[in-house]
């Protein structure tokens, strides 16, 4: 009797899942807490979280920092909401950062103070443009 190798049955869904958009955050310390700065926005204290859409951008930033307690972490856009759900958070997409004496300083740009919904739609639009170019 010969053994027959069979492929496992695939489960098919009628619903196509959207591709995960990878994002890169800066974390700090052994607990890998998300690095954010506190600021006032519309008379509320919020956390402003820098977020990157390319690994190269975040790695270049970390390479220039003198403090080696900073790391990067990758997170899909779909999980970002659960990560910040208990926080009053706004985002900076691909911030313009300068490193001076080992400290980060930010230059304000067009993608500042983005709520999660705006960040999601901006990244989705960019992803569609990128796919159309390819």
N, C-alpha and C. Protein backbone atom coordinates (compact mmCIF):
# COMPACT_ATOMS: atom_id res chain seq x y z
N UNK A 1 0.84 -1.18 0.00
CA UNK A 1 0.00 0.00 0.00
C UNK A 1 0.89 1.24 0.00
N UNK A 2 0.69 2.10 -0.95
CA UNK A 2 1.50 3.31 -1.09
C UNK A 2 0.84 4.46 -0.35
N UNK A 3 1.68 5.28 0.26
CA UNK A 3 1.16 6.46 0.94
C UNK A 3 0.95 7.57 -0.09
N UNK A 4 -0.15 8.22 0.01
CA UNK A 4 -0.46 9.31 -0.91
C UNK A 4 -0.40 10.62 -0.13
N UNK A 5 0.35 11.53 -0.67
CA UNK A 5 0.47 12.83 -0.01
C UNK A 5 -0.64 13.74 -0.51
N UNK A 6 -1.43 14.22 0.38
CA UNK A 6 -2.53 15.10 0.01
C UNK A 6 -2.29 16.50 0.54
N UNK A 7 -2.68 17.44 -0.26
CA UNK A 7 -2.60 18.83 0.16
C UNK A 7 -3.77 19.11 1.11
N UNK A 8 -3.53 19.90 2.15
CA UNK A 8 -4.64 20.24 3.05
C UNK A 8 -5.70 21.04 2.30
N UNK A 9 -6.93 20.82 2.70
CA UNK A 9 -8.02 21.56 2.07
C UNK A 9 -7.94 23.02 2.45
N UNK A 10 -8.17 23.85 1.46
CA UNK A 10 -8.15 25.29 1.70
C UNK A 10 -9.55 25.77 1.99
N UNK A 11 -9.64 26.67 2.92
CA UNK A 11 -10.93 27.28 3.22
C UNK A 11 -11.04 28.55 2.42
N UNK A 12 -12.12 28.69 1.70
CA UNK A 12 -12.32 29.87 0.88
C UNK A 12 -13.41 30.73 1.47
N UNK A 13 -13.16 31.98 1.47
CA UNK A 13 -14.16 32.95 1.90
C UNK A 13 -14.57 33.77 0.70
N UNK A 14 -15.81 34.19 0.69
CA UNK A 14 -16.26 35.08 -0.37
C UNK A 14 -15.74 36.49 -0.16
N UNK A 15 -15.32 36.77 1.06
CA UNK A 15 -14.84 38.10 1.41
C UNK A 15 -13.34 38.16 1.20
N UNK A 16 -12.91 39.08 0.36
CA UNK A 16 -11.47 39.27 0.17
C UNK A 16 -10.95 40.18 1.25
N UNK A 17 -9.89 39.76 1.90
CA UNK A 17 -9.34 40.62 2.94
C UNK A 17 -8.44 41.66 2.29
N UNK A 18 -8.48 42.85 2.84
CA UNK A 18 -7.64 43.91 2.30
C UNK A 18 -6.21 43.69 2.75
N UNK A 19 -5.25 44.06 1.92
CA UNK A 19 -3.86 43.85 2.31
C UNK A 19 -3.50 44.71 3.52
N UNK A 20 -2.71 44.12 4.39
CA UNK A 20 -2.28 44.84 5.59
C UNK A 20 -1.27 45.91 5.21
N UNK A 21 -1.48 47.10 5.71
CA UNK A 21 -0.53 48.19 5.48
C UNK A 21 0.40 48.21 6.68
N UNK A 22 1.69 47.92 6.47
CA UNK A 22 2.62 47.92 7.60
C UNK A 22 3.01 49.34 7.99
N UNK A 23 3.03 49.58 9.28
CA UNK A 23 3.46 50.86 9.83
C UNK A 23 4.56 50.62 10.84
N UNK A 24 5.39 51.63 11.05
CA UNK A 24 6.52 51.51 11.95
C UNK A 24 6.42 52.58 13.02
N UNK A 25 6.49 52.14 14.28
CA UNK A 25 6.44 53.04 15.42
C UNK A 25 7.77 53.00 16.14
N UNK A 26 8.02 54.03 16.93
CA UNK A 26 9.21 54.08 17.77
C UNK A 26 8.80 53.65 19.17
N UNK A 27 9.54 52.71 19.73
CA UNK A 27 9.29 52.29 21.11
C UNK A 27 10.52 52.60 21.94
N UNK A 28 10.32 52.61 23.24
CA UNK A 28 11.44 52.92 24.12
C UNK A 28 11.39 52.03 25.35
N UNK A 29 12.59 51.76 25.86
CA UNK A 29 12.72 51.00 27.10
C UNK A 29 12.51 49.51 26.91
N UNK A 30 12.81 48.75 27.97
CA UNK A 30 12.67 47.30 27.89
C UNK A 30 11.22 46.84 27.70
N UNK A 31 10.27 47.65 28.14
CA UNK A 31 8.85 47.29 27.99
C UNK A 31 8.33 47.63 26.60
N UNK A 32 9.17 48.28 25.80
CA UNK A 32 8.81 48.69 24.44
C UNK A 32 7.52 49.52 24.42
N UNK A 33 7.50 50.55 25.24
CA UNK A 33 6.37 51.48 25.25
C UNK A 33 6.44 52.36 24.01
N UNK A 34 5.28 52.68 23.46
CA UNK A 34 5.23 53.55 22.29
C UNK A 34 5.73 54.93 22.68
N UNK A 35 6.67 55.47 21.88
CA UNK A 35 7.19 56.80 22.15
C UNK A 35 6.20 57.82 21.60
N UNK A 36 5.83 58.75 22.45
CA UNK A 36 4.91 59.81 22.04
C UNK A 36 5.28 61.07 22.80
N UNK A 37 4.83 62.21 22.28
CA UNK A 37 5.01 63.45 23.02
C UNK A 37 3.64 64.00 23.35
N UNK A 38 3.55 64.63 24.49
CA UNK A 38 2.29 65.23 24.91
C UNK A 38 2.21 66.65 24.39
N UNK A 39 1.02 67.02 23.94
CA UNK A 39 0.81 68.37 23.42
C UNK A 39 -0.65 68.75 23.59
N UNK A 40 -0.93 70.02 23.43
CA UNK A 40 -2.31 70.50 23.50
C UNK A 40 -2.87 70.60 22.08
N UNK A 41 -4.08 70.10 21.91
CA UNK A 41 -4.77 70.20 20.63
C UNK A 41 -6.24 70.44 20.93
N UNK A 42 -6.74 71.56 20.46
CA UNK A 42 -8.14 71.95 20.69
C UNK A 42 -8.48 71.91 22.19
N UNK A 43 -7.58 72.48 22.98
CA UNK A 43 -7.73 72.60 24.43
C UNK A 43 -7.79 71.26 25.16
N UNK A 44 -7.23 70.22 24.56
CA UNK A 44 -7.14 68.90 25.18
C UNK A 44 -5.69 68.43 25.14
N UNK A 45 -5.31 67.73 26.19
CA UNK A 45 -3.99 67.12 26.23
C UNK A 45 -4.05 65.81 25.44
N UNK A 46 -3.22 65.71 24.40
CA UNK A 46 -3.20 64.52 23.55
C UNK A 46 -1.76 64.02 23.41
N UNK A 47 -1.64 62.76 23.00
CA UNK A 47 -0.34 62.21 22.67
C UNK A 47 -0.15 62.31 21.16
N UNK A 48 0.97 62.82 20.77
CA UNK A 48 1.31 62.94 19.35
C UNK A 48 2.33 61.84 19.05
N UNK A 49 1.94 60.89 18.20
CA UNK A 49 2.75 59.70 17.95
C UNK A 49 3.31 59.75 16.53
N UNK A 50 4.64 59.76 16.40
CA UNK A 50 5.23 59.69 15.05
C UNK A 50 5.08 58.27 14.50
N UNK A 51 4.72 58.19 13.22
CA UNK A 51 4.51 56.90 12.58
C UNK A 51 5.11 56.96 11.18
N UNK A 52 5.68 55.86 10.75
CA UNK A 52 6.38 55.83 9.46
C UNK A 52 5.77 54.75 8.58
N UNK A 53 5.77 54.99 7.27
CA UNK A 53 5.23 53.98 6.36
C UNK A 53 6.33 53.20 5.64
N UNK A 54 7.60 53.51 5.94
CA UNK A 54 8.70 52.71 5.39
C UNK A 54 9.68 52.36 6.51
N UNK A 55 10.21 51.17 6.43
CA UNK A 55 11.17 50.72 7.44
C UNK A 55 12.46 51.54 7.34
N UNK A 56 12.84 51.91 6.14
CA UNK A 56 14.07 52.68 5.93
C UNK A 56 14.05 53.99 6.71
N UNK A 57 12.91 54.67 6.71
CA UNK A 57 12.79 55.95 7.41
C UNK A 57 13.03 55.81 8.91
N UNK A 58 12.38 54.83 9.52
CA UNK A 58 12.52 54.66 10.96
C UNK A 58 13.91 54.16 11.33
N UNK A 59 14.49 53.30 10.51
CA UNK A 59 15.85 52.80 10.81
C UNK A 59 16.89 53.91 10.69
N UNK A 60 16.74 54.81 9.73
CA UNK A 60 17.66 55.95 9.61
C UNK A 60 17.57 56.84 10.85
N UNK A 61 16.38 57.05 11.33
CA UNK A 61 16.19 57.85 12.55
C UNK A 61 16.88 57.18 13.74
N UNK A 62 16.64 55.91 13.94
CA UNK A 62 17.21 55.20 15.09
C UNK A 62 18.73 55.15 15.02
N UNK A 63 19.26 55.06 13.81
CA UNK A 63 20.72 55.02 13.64
C UNK A 63 21.36 56.32 14.11
N UNK A 64 20.66 57.44 13.93
CA UNK A 64 21.22 58.75 14.29
C UNK A 64 21.02 59.12 15.76
N UNK A 65 20.20 58.38 16.46
CA UNK A 65 19.99 58.68 17.88
C UNK A 65 21.14 58.10 18.71
N UNK A 66 21.57 58.83 19.71
CA UNK A 66 22.63 58.34 20.59
C UNK A 66 22.07 57.39 21.64
N UNK A 67 20.82 57.55 22.00
CA UNK A 67 20.19 56.72 23.01
C UNK A 67 19.73 55.40 22.37
N UNK A 68 20.33 54.31 22.78
CA UNK A 68 20.05 53.01 22.16
C UNK A 68 18.84 52.32 22.79
N UNK A 69 18.10 53.02 23.67
CA UNK A 69 16.91 52.40 24.24
C UNK A 69 15.71 52.50 23.29
N UNK A 70 15.87 53.24 22.19
CA UNK A 70 14.80 53.34 21.20
C UNK A 70 14.88 52.16 20.24
N UNK A 71 13.73 51.61 19.90
CA UNK A 71 13.65 50.54 18.90
C UNK A 71 12.49 50.86 17.97
N UNK A 72 12.39 50.08 16.91
CA UNK A 72 11.22 50.23 16.03
C UNK A 72 10.38 48.97 16.16
N UNK A 73 9.11 49.13 15.92
CA UNK A 73 8.20 48.00 15.92
C UNK A 73 7.27 48.16 14.73
N UNK A 74 6.95 47.04 14.11
CA UNK A 74 6.06 47.06 12.96
C UNK A 74 4.67 46.65 13.44
N UNK A 75 3.67 47.36 12.95
CA UNK A 75 2.29 47.06 13.31
C UNK A 75 1.42 47.29 12.09
N UNK A 76 0.48 46.40 11.84
CA UNK A 76 -0.44 46.64 10.72
C UNK A 76 -1.42 47.76 11.05
N UNK A 77 -1.81 48.48 10.05
CA UNK A 77 -2.75 49.58 10.24
C UNK A 77 -4.02 49.12 10.94
N UNK A 78 -4.47 47.93 10.65
CA UNK A 78 -5.71 47.43 11.24
C UNK A 78 -5.61 47.22 12.75
N UNK A 79 -4.41 47.01 13.29
CA UNK A 79 -4.23 46.82 14.73
C UNK A 79 -3.95 48.11 15.48
N UNK A 80 -3.67 49.16 14.74
CA UNK A 80 -3.30 50.43 15.38
C UNK A 80 -4.43 50.96 16.27
N UNK A 81 -5.65 50.82 15.85
CA UNK A 81 -6.77 51.34 16.66
C UNK A 81 -6.86 50.65 18.01
N UNK A 82 -6.63 49.35 18.06
CA UNK A 82 -6.69 48.65 19.34
C UNK A 82 -5.50 49.02 20.23
N UNK A 83 -4.41 49.40 19.62
CA UNK A 83 -3.21 49.77 20.37
C UNK A 83 -3.38 51.11 21.09
N UNK A 84 -4.12 52.02 20.49
CA UNK A 84 -4.26 53.36 21.06
C UNK A 84 -5.67 53.67 21.55
N UNK A 85 -6.52 52.65 21.69
CA UNK A 85 -7.92 52.89 22.00
C UNK A 85 -8.15 53.58 23.34
N UNK A 86 -7.30 53.37 24.30
CA UNK A 86 -7.45 53.99 25.62
C UNK A 86 -6.74 55.35 25.71
N UNK A 87 -6.14 55.77 24.62
CA UNK A 87 -5.36 57.01 24.63
C UNK A 87 -6.03 58.05 23.75
N UNK A 88 -5.80 59.31 24.10
CA UNK A 88 -6.18 60.39 23.19
C UNK A 88 -4.96 60.63 22.33
N UNK A 89 -4.97 60.01 21.14
CA UNK A 89 -3.78 60.02 20.30
C UNK A 89 -4.06 60.64 18.94
N UNK A 90 -3.08 61.41 18.50
CA UNK A 90 -3.03 61.93 17.14
C UNK A 90 -1.70 61.46 16.56
N UNK A 91 -1.59 61.46 15.24
CA UNK A 91 -0.41 60.89 14.60
C UNK A 91 0.30 61.91 13.71
N UNK A 92 1.61 61.67 13.55
CA UNK A 92 2.43 62.42 12.59
C UNK A 92 2.94 61.38 11.61
N UNK A 93 2.51 61.47 10.37
CA UNK A 93 2.95 60.51 9.36
C UNK A 93 4.25 61.00 8.74
N UNK A 94 5.27 60.16 8.80
CA UNK A 94 6.60 60.45 8.24
C UNK A 94 7.09 61.85 8.62
N UNK A 95 7.27 62.08 9.93
CA UNK A 95 7.67 63.42 10.36
C UNK A 95 9.06 63.80 9.88
N UNK A 96 9.24 65.12 9.74
CA UNK A 96 10.55 65.68 9.42
C UNK A 96 11.27 65.84 10.75
N UNK A 97 12.27 65.00 11.00
CA UNK A 97 12.94 64.97 12.31
C UNK A 97 14.39 65.39 12.15
N UNK A 98 14.82 66.20 13.08
CA UNK A 98 16.23 66.57 13.17
C UNK A 98 16.77 66.02 14.49
N UNK A 99 17.99 65.53 14.46
CA UNK A 99 18.64 65.03 15.66
C UNK A 99 19.69 66.06 16.07
N UNK A 100 19.54 66.57 17.29
CA UNK A 100 20.50 67.55 17.79
C UNK A 100 20.90 67.13 19.20
N UNK A 101 22.17 66.91 19.40
CA UNK A 101 22.71 66.45 20.68
C UNK A 101 22.00 65.18 21.16
N UNK A 102 21.71 64.28 20.21
CA UNK A 102 21.09 63.00 20.56
C UNK A 102 19.61 63.07 20.86
N UNK A 103 19.00 64.23 20.69
CA UNK A 103 17.57 64.41 20.97
C UNK A 103 16.82 64.68 19.67
N UNK A 104 15.58 64.19 19.62
CA UNK A 104 14.74 64.41 18.44
C UNK A 104 14.04 65.75 18.54
N UNK A 105 14.00 66.45 17.44
CA UNK A 105 13.15 67.63 17.34
C UNK A 105 12.39 67.53 16.03
N UNK A 106 11.15 67.97 16.05
CA UNK A 106 10.26 67.81 14.91
C UNK A 106 10.00 69.15 14.24
N UNK A 107 9.90 69.11 12.93
CA UNK A 107 9.51 70.28 12.17
C UNK A 107 8.09 70.01 11.67
N UNK A 108 7.17 70.91 12.00
CA UNK A 108 5.77 70.68 11.65
C UNK A 108 5.59 70.64 10.14
N UNK A 109 4.74 69.74 9.69
CA UNK A 109 4.49 69.57 8.27
C UNK A 109 3.02 69.28 7.99
N UNK A 110 2.70 68.87 6.77
CA UNK A 110 1.30 68.69 6.38
C UNK A 110 0.61 67.49 7.02
N UNK A 111 1.35 66.50 7.45
CA UNK A 111 0.73 65.29 8.00
C UNK A 111 0.81 65.24 9.52
N UNK A 112 0.54 66.36 10.16
CA UNK A 112 0.55 66.48 11.62
C UNK A 112 -0.86 66.45 12.18
N UNK A 113 -0.97 66.04 13.42
CA UNK A 113 -2.24 66.05 14.15
C UNK A 113 -3.33 65.26 13.42
N UNK A 114 -2.95 64.11 12.87
CA UNK A 114 -3.91 63.28 12.15
C UNK A 114 -4.65 62.36 13.10
N UNK A 115 -5.98 62.42 13.12
CA UNK A 115 -6.72 61.40 13.86
C UNK A 115 -6.59 60.06 13.11
N UNK A 116 -6.91 58.98 13.77
CA UNK A 116 -6.75 57.66 13.18
C UNK A 116 -7.49 57.51 11.85
N UNK A 117 -8.70 58.07 11.77
CA UNK A 117 -9.48 57.95 10.54
C UNK A 117 -8.77 58.63 9.36
N UNK A 118 -8.22 59.82 9.61
CA UNK A 118 -7.50 60.54 8.54
C UNK A 118 -6.23 59.80 8.15
N UNK A 119 -5.54 59.25 9.13
CA UNK A 119 -4.33 58.48 8.85
C UNK A 119 -4.67 57.27 7.98
N UNK A 120 -5.73 56.57 8.34
CA UNK A 120 -6.15 55.38 7.58
C UNK A 120 -6.49 55.74 6.15
N UNK A 121 -7.27 56.79 5.96
CA UNK A 121 -7.66 57.14 4.59
C UNK A 121 -6.47 57.64 3.79
N UNK A 122 -5.57 58.38 4.41
CA UNK A 122 -4.38 58.87 3.72
C UNK A 122 -3.50 57.71 3.27
N UNK A 123 -3.30 56.73 4.15
CA UNK A 123 -2.47 55.58 3.80
C UNK A 123 -3.15 54.72 2.74
N UNK A 124 -4.46 54.60 2.80
CA UNK A 124 -5.19 53.81 1.80
C UNK A 124 -5.09 54.46 0.43
N UNK A 125 -5.22 55.77 0.38
CA UNK A 125 -5.10 56.50 -0.89
C UNK A 125 -3.69 56.34 -1.46
N UNK A 126 -2.67 56.48 -0.59
CA UNK A 126 -1.29 56.32 -1.05
C UNK A 126 -1.05 54.91 -1.57
N UNK A 127 -1.62 53.90 -0.90
CA UNK A 127 -1.44 52.51 -1.31
C UNK A 127 -2.07 52.28 -2.69
N UNK A 128 -3.25 52.84 -2.92
CA UNK A 128 -3.92 52.71 -4.22
C UNK A 128 -3.09 53.38 -5.31
N UNK A 129 -2.55 54.57 -5.03
CA UNK A 129 -1.71 55.27 -6.02
C UNK A 129 -0.47 54.44 -6.35
N UNK A 130 0.13 53.86 -5.31
CA UNK A 130 1.34 53.05 -5.49
C UNK A 130 1.04 51.82 -6.35
N UNK A 131 -0.10 51.16 -6.11
CA UNK A 131 -0.46 49.97 -6.89
C UNK A 131 -0.75 50.35 -8.34
N UNK A 132 -1.32 51.51 -8.58
CA UNK A 132 -1.61 51.94 -9.94
C UNK A 132 -0.33 52.26 -10.72
N UNK A 133 0.69 52.71 -10.03
CA UNK A 133 1.97 53.02 -10.66
C UNK A 133 2.66 51.72 -11.09
N UNK A 134 2.57 50.71 -10.24
CA UNK A 134 3.21 49.43 -10.56
C UNK A 134 2.43 48.74 -11.62
